[in-house]
Amino acid sequence: MGGQYRITGDKYPRMRPPRRRGRLVLLITASVVALGMLGWGTLQLVDVFTGGDRASAAGPGGTCAPDGRTKTKTAKATANAASTVKGLPAPRTITVNVLNATTRTGLAQKTADELKKRGFRIGDVGNAPKEFDKKVKGTGILLGATASRDTSLPVLAGQLPAAERRTDAARKGAAVDLIIGDAFKSLATKKDADRATAKLAAPQPTPTTSKKGC
């Protein structure tokens, strides 16, 4: 070029437009944000169709079992347990008739003496009536009125866990019968009987199952 715009030296200016780095950085940032939002949306859809977080769905005080059921301790179960404990009588308030349905002599008196040592009140001691005499093949039968089902019978059952429990709606009075059967050997040890009684006095609320929320 001539005149006043003469170029001197051995380097020439490059005639391309300057790089627009700002626009490139903005495009990259926008792409990363878009990918992140897409991934988050995908996870939300997966949670919707798979049930999400089972531990959260179960709520406070509940856990989800592998099959999706929620185990919770309901107020109703706790109330039932409390009422059962409240209705349990102490051994000293339970009158037990000890009746021998076997051919072994002296068994009723020996058993009655042991029950007395453990705090029970003893009523009649002797042979079982004809309907049971020599007809009880198992360990024994605990028999009482309908009201004894959840009161005195469970307490007495701690002394002879294998005995069959029966109630008779026509029976009067609060006394219960311990009818000794052919398979009877002895009462439970005092240690085991005390443990069974303690367990009755502090029952665990029964968990209920629900598939809702899991």
Protein backbone atom coordinates (compact mmCIF):
# COMPACT_ATOMS: atom_id res chain seq x y z
CA MET A 1 0.00 0.00 0.00
CA GLY A 2 1.39 3.36 -0.87
CA GLY A 3 1.25 6.82 0.52
CA GLN A 4 0.81 7.47 4.21
CA TYR A 5 -0.46 3.87 4.90
CA ARG A 6 2.84 2.18 3.99
CA ILE A 7 3.47 -1.07 5.83
CA THR A 8 6.93 -1.58 7.16
CA GLY A 9 8.61 -4.56 8.82
CA ASP A 10 8.37 -8.26 8.15
CA LYS A 11 5.08 -9.01 10.14
CA TYR A 12 1.62 -8.43 8.77
CA PRO A 13 -1.61 -8.06 10.79
CA ARG A 14 -4.07 -10.95 10.63
CA MET A 15 -7.35 -9.89 9.07
CA ARG A 16 -9.77 -12.41 10.89
CA PRO A 17 -12.41 -11.34 13.44
CA PRO A 18 -11.54 -11.68 17.18
CA ARG A 19 -12.58 -14.82 19.06
CA ARG A 20 -15.84 -14.59 20.95
CA ARG A 21 -14.84 -16.57 24.06
CA GLY A 22 -17.67 -15.20 26.18
CA ARG A 23 -20.33 -16.65 23.92
CA LEU A 24 -18.62 -20.07 23.90
CA VAL A 25 -18.48 -20.22 27.71
CA LEU A 26 -22.15 -19.29 27.90
CA LEU A 27 -23.14 -22.04 25.49
CA ILE A 28 -21.18 -24.67 27.46
CA THR A 29 -22.73 -23.56 30.75
CA ALA A 30 -26.24 -23.68 29.29
CA SER A 31 -25.62 -27.21 27.96
CA VAL A 32 -24.44 -28.47 31.37
CA VAL A 33 -27.48 -26.98 33.12
CA ALA A 34 -29.84 -28.51 30.55
CA LEU A 35 -28.28 -31.97 31.00
CA GLY A 36 -28.52 -31.65 34.78
CA MET A 37 -32.20 -30.75 34.62
CA LEU A 38 -32.87 -33.65 32.26
CA GLY A 39 -31.18 -36.10 34.66
CA TRP A 40 -33.10 -34.75 37.66
CA GLY A 41 -36.39 -35.06 35.81
CA THR A 42 -35.57 -38.67 34.89
CA LEU A 43 -34.91 -39.55 38.54
CA GLN A 44 -38.24 -38.01 39.57
CA LEU A 45 -40.07 -40.13 37.02
CA VAL A 46 -38.30 -43.27 38.26
CA ASP A 47 -39.33 -42.46 41.84
CA VAL A 48 -42.95 -41.98 40.78
CA PHE A 49 -43.19 -45.36 39.05
CA THR A 50 -41.12 -47.36 41.58
CA GLY A 51 -42.58 -46.03 44.80
CA GLY A 52 -39.77 -43.68 45.79
CA ASP A 53 -38.02 -43.88 49.12
CA ARG A 54 -39.69 -46.62 51.13
CA ALA A 55 -38.22 -45.46 54.41
CA SER A 56 -39.75 -42.00 53.91
CA ALA A 57 -43.08 -43.40 52.79
CA ALA A 58 -43.31 -45.53 55.90
CA GLY A 59 -43.31 -42.41 58.04
CA PRO A 60 -42.10 -41.97 61.63
CA GLY A 61 -42.22 -45.13 63.72
CA GLY A 62 -42.69 -47.44 60.74
CA THR A 63 -40.43 -49.48 58.53
CA CYS A 64 -41.06 -51.13 55.21
CA ALA A 65 -40.65 -54.87 54.87
CA PRO A 66 -39.07 -56.37 51.72
CA ASP A 67 -42.51 -57.06 50.29
CA GLY A 68 -43.51 -53.42 50.57
CA ARG A 69 -45.64 -53.67 53.70
CA THR A 70 -45.38 -51.05 56.43
CA LYS A 71 -45.10 -52.29 59.99
CA THR A 72 -46.57 -49.83 62.47
CA LYS A 73 -47.55 -49.98 66.10
CA THR A 74 -51.10 -48.77 66.11
CA ALA A 75 -52.78 -47.00 68.99
CA LYS A 76 -55.51 -49.63 68.95
CA ALA A 77 -53.03 -52.49 69.47
CA THR A 78 -51.36 -50.61 72.31
CA ALA A 79 -54.72 -49.94 73.96
CA ASN A 80 -55.71 -53.61 73.72
CA ALA A 81 -52.41 -54.68 75.26
CA ALA A 82 -52.83 -52.19 78.09
CA SER A 83 -56.34 -53.39 78.87
CA THR A 84 -55.17 -57.01 78.92
CA VAL A 85 -52.37 -56.23 81.39
CA LYS A 86 -54.75 -54.26 83.59
CA GLY A 87 -57.15 -57.23 83.78
CA LEU A 88 -54.54 -59.84 84.83
CA PRO A 89 -55.04 -61.00 88.41
CA ALA A 90 -52.23 -61.81 90.84
CA PRO A 91 -51.75 -65.52 91.69
CA ARG A 92 -52.89 -64.90 95.28
CA THR A 93 -56.33 -63.92 93.97
CA ILE A 94 -56.76 -67.07 91.82
CA THR A 95 -58.41 -70.13 93.34
CA VAL A 96 -57.30 -73.36 91.69
CA ASN A 97 -59.05 -76.71 91.97
CA VAL A 98 -56.46 -79.44 91.36
CA LEU A 99 -58.06 -82.59 89.98
CA ASN A 100 -56.34 -85.85 89.06
CA ALA A 101 -57.61 -87.61 85.92
CA THR A 102 -54.84 -90.26 85.97
CA THR A 103 -54.42 -93.56 87.80
CA ARG A 104 -51.43 -92.23 89.76
CA THR A 105 -52.31 -91.55 93.38
CA GLY A 106 -51.23 -88.47 95.31
CA LEU A 107 -50.56 -86.44 92.16
CA ALA A 108 -53.26 -83.84 92.82
CA GLN A 109 -52.11 -83.11 96.38
CA LYS A 110 -48.45 -82.85 95.39
CA THR A 111 -49.30 -80.42 92.58
CA ALA A 112 -51.60 -78.39 94.82
CA ASP A 113 -48.86 -78.03 97.44
CA GLU A 114 -46.44 -76.69 94.84
CA LEU A 115 -48.99 -74.21 93.50
CA LYS A 116 -49.65 -73.00 97.04
CA LYS A 117 -45.92 -72.34 97.50
CA ARG A 118 -46.03 -70.20 94.36
CA GLY A 119 -48.79 -68.00 95.74
CA PHE A 120 -51.99 -69.54 94.36
CA ARG A 121 -55.06 -70.17 96.48
CA ILE A 122 -56.07 -73.83 96.54
CA GLY A 123 -59.69 -74.96 96.37
CA ASP A 124 -60.76 -78.58 95.88
CA VAL A 125 -58.12 -81.29 95.62
CA GLY A 126 -59.06 -84.78 94.48
CA ASN A 127 -60.07 -86.94 91.55
CA ALA A 128 -61.44 -85.49 88.31
CA PRO A 129 -65.17 -85.88 87.54
CA LYS A 130 -66.32 -88.73 85.32
CA GLU A 131 -66.32 -86.66 82.13
CA PHE A 132 -62.54 -86.26 82.50
CA ASP A 133 -61.43 -89.22 84.64
CA LYS A 134 -58.93 -91.34 82.70
CA LYS A 135 -59.85 -89.45 79.53
CA VAL A 136 -57.19 -86.74 79.45
CA LYS A 137 -54.26 -88.06 77.41
CA GLY A 138 -52.29 -84.84 77.28
CA THR A 139 -50.47 -82.93 80.00
CA GLY A 140 -53.66 -81.48 81.41
CA ILE A 141 -56.63 -79.16 80.96
CA LEU A 142 -57.14 -75.70 82.43
CA LEU A 143 -60.86 -75.07 82.72
CA GLY A 144 -62.69 -71.92 83.81
CA ALA A 145 -65.63 -69.63 83.14
CA THR A 146 -65.69 -67.50 79.99
CA ALA A 147 -64.42 -64.49 81.93
CA SER A 148 -61.23 -66.39 82.86
CA ARG A 149 -60.08 -66.68 79.23
CA ASP A 150 -57.93 -63.54 79.35
CA THR A 151 -57.49 -63.26 83.12
CA SER A 152 -56.80 -66.19 85.44
CA LEU A 153 -56.26 -68.90 82.78
CA PRO A 154 -53.22 -67.21 81.16
CA VAL A 155 -51.64 -66.71 84.60
CA LEU A 156 -52.20 -70.33 85.58
CA ALA A 157 -50.98 -71.48 82.15
CA GLY A 158 -47.54 -70.16 83.03
CA GLN A 159 -47.29 -73.01 85.53
CA LEU A 160 -48.25 -75.66 82.96
CA PRO A 161 -47.68 -74.24 79.44
CA ALA A 162 -48.54 -77.46 77.58
CA ALA A 163 -51.98 -77.76 79.14
CA GLU A 164 -55.07 -77.24 77.00
CA ARG A 165 -57.16 -74.19 77.90
CA ARG A 166 -60.95 -74.43 77.90
CA THR A 167 -63.81 -72.20 78.98
CA ASP A 168 -67.38 -73.10 79.87
CA ALA A 169 -70.07 -70.46 79.41
CA ALA A 170 -72.35 -72.26 81.88
CA ARG A 171 -69.72 -72.34 84.60
CA LYS A 172 -70.22 -70.10 87.62
CA GLY A 173 -67.63 -68.61 89.94
CA ALA A 174 -64.08 -67.40 89.44
CA ALA A 175 -62.24 -70.60 90.45
CA VAL A 176 -60.42 -72.51 87.72
CA ASP A 177 -59.65 -76.22 87.43
CA LEU A 178 -56.28 -77.77 86.75
CA ILE A 179 -57.09 -81.27 85.54
CA ILE A 180 -53.97 -83.42 85.44
CA GLY A 181 -53.63 -85.70 82.39
CA ASP A 182 -51.66 -88.85 81.59
CA ALA A 183 -48.71 -86.99 80.02
CA PHE A 184 -48.21 -84.81 83.12
CA LYS A 185 -44.76 -85.02 84.70
CA SER A 186 -44.46 -81.84 86.71
CA LEU A 187 -45.25 -78.15 86.71
CA ALA A 188 -42.91 -75.80 84.89
CA THR A 189 -39.91 -74.78 86.97
CA LYS A 190 -40.52 -71.74 89.11
CA LYS A 191 -37.95 -69.81 87.07
CA ASP A 192 -39.75 -70.56 83.80
CA ALA A 193 -43.16 -69.88 85.35
CA ASP A 194 -41.98 -66.52 86.70
CA ARG A 195 -40.58 -65.63 83.29
CA ALA A 196 -43.92 -66.47 81.63
CA THR A 197 -45.78 -64.34 84.17
CA ALA A 198 -43.40 -61.43 83.65
CA LYS A 199 -43.94 -61.69 79.90
CA LEU A 200 -47.70 -61.45 80.42
CA ALA A 201 -47.21 -58.36 82.57
CA ALA A 202 -45.23 -56.58 79.86
CA PRO A 203 -46.64 -57.65 76.45
CA GLN A 204 -45.31 -56.13 73.24
CA PRO A 205 -47.79 -54.19 71.06
CA THR A 206 -48.75 -56.24 68.03
CA PRO A 207 -47.45 -54.74 64.75
CA THR A 208 -50.00 -54.32 61.98
CA THR A 209 -49.24 -54.45 58.29
CA SER A 210 -50.31 -52.09 55.58
CA LYS A 211 -49.25 -51.73 51.97
CA LYS A 212 -50.34 -48.12 51.86
CA GLY A 213 -47.46 -45.69 51.38
CA CYS A 214 -44.78 -48.22 50.45
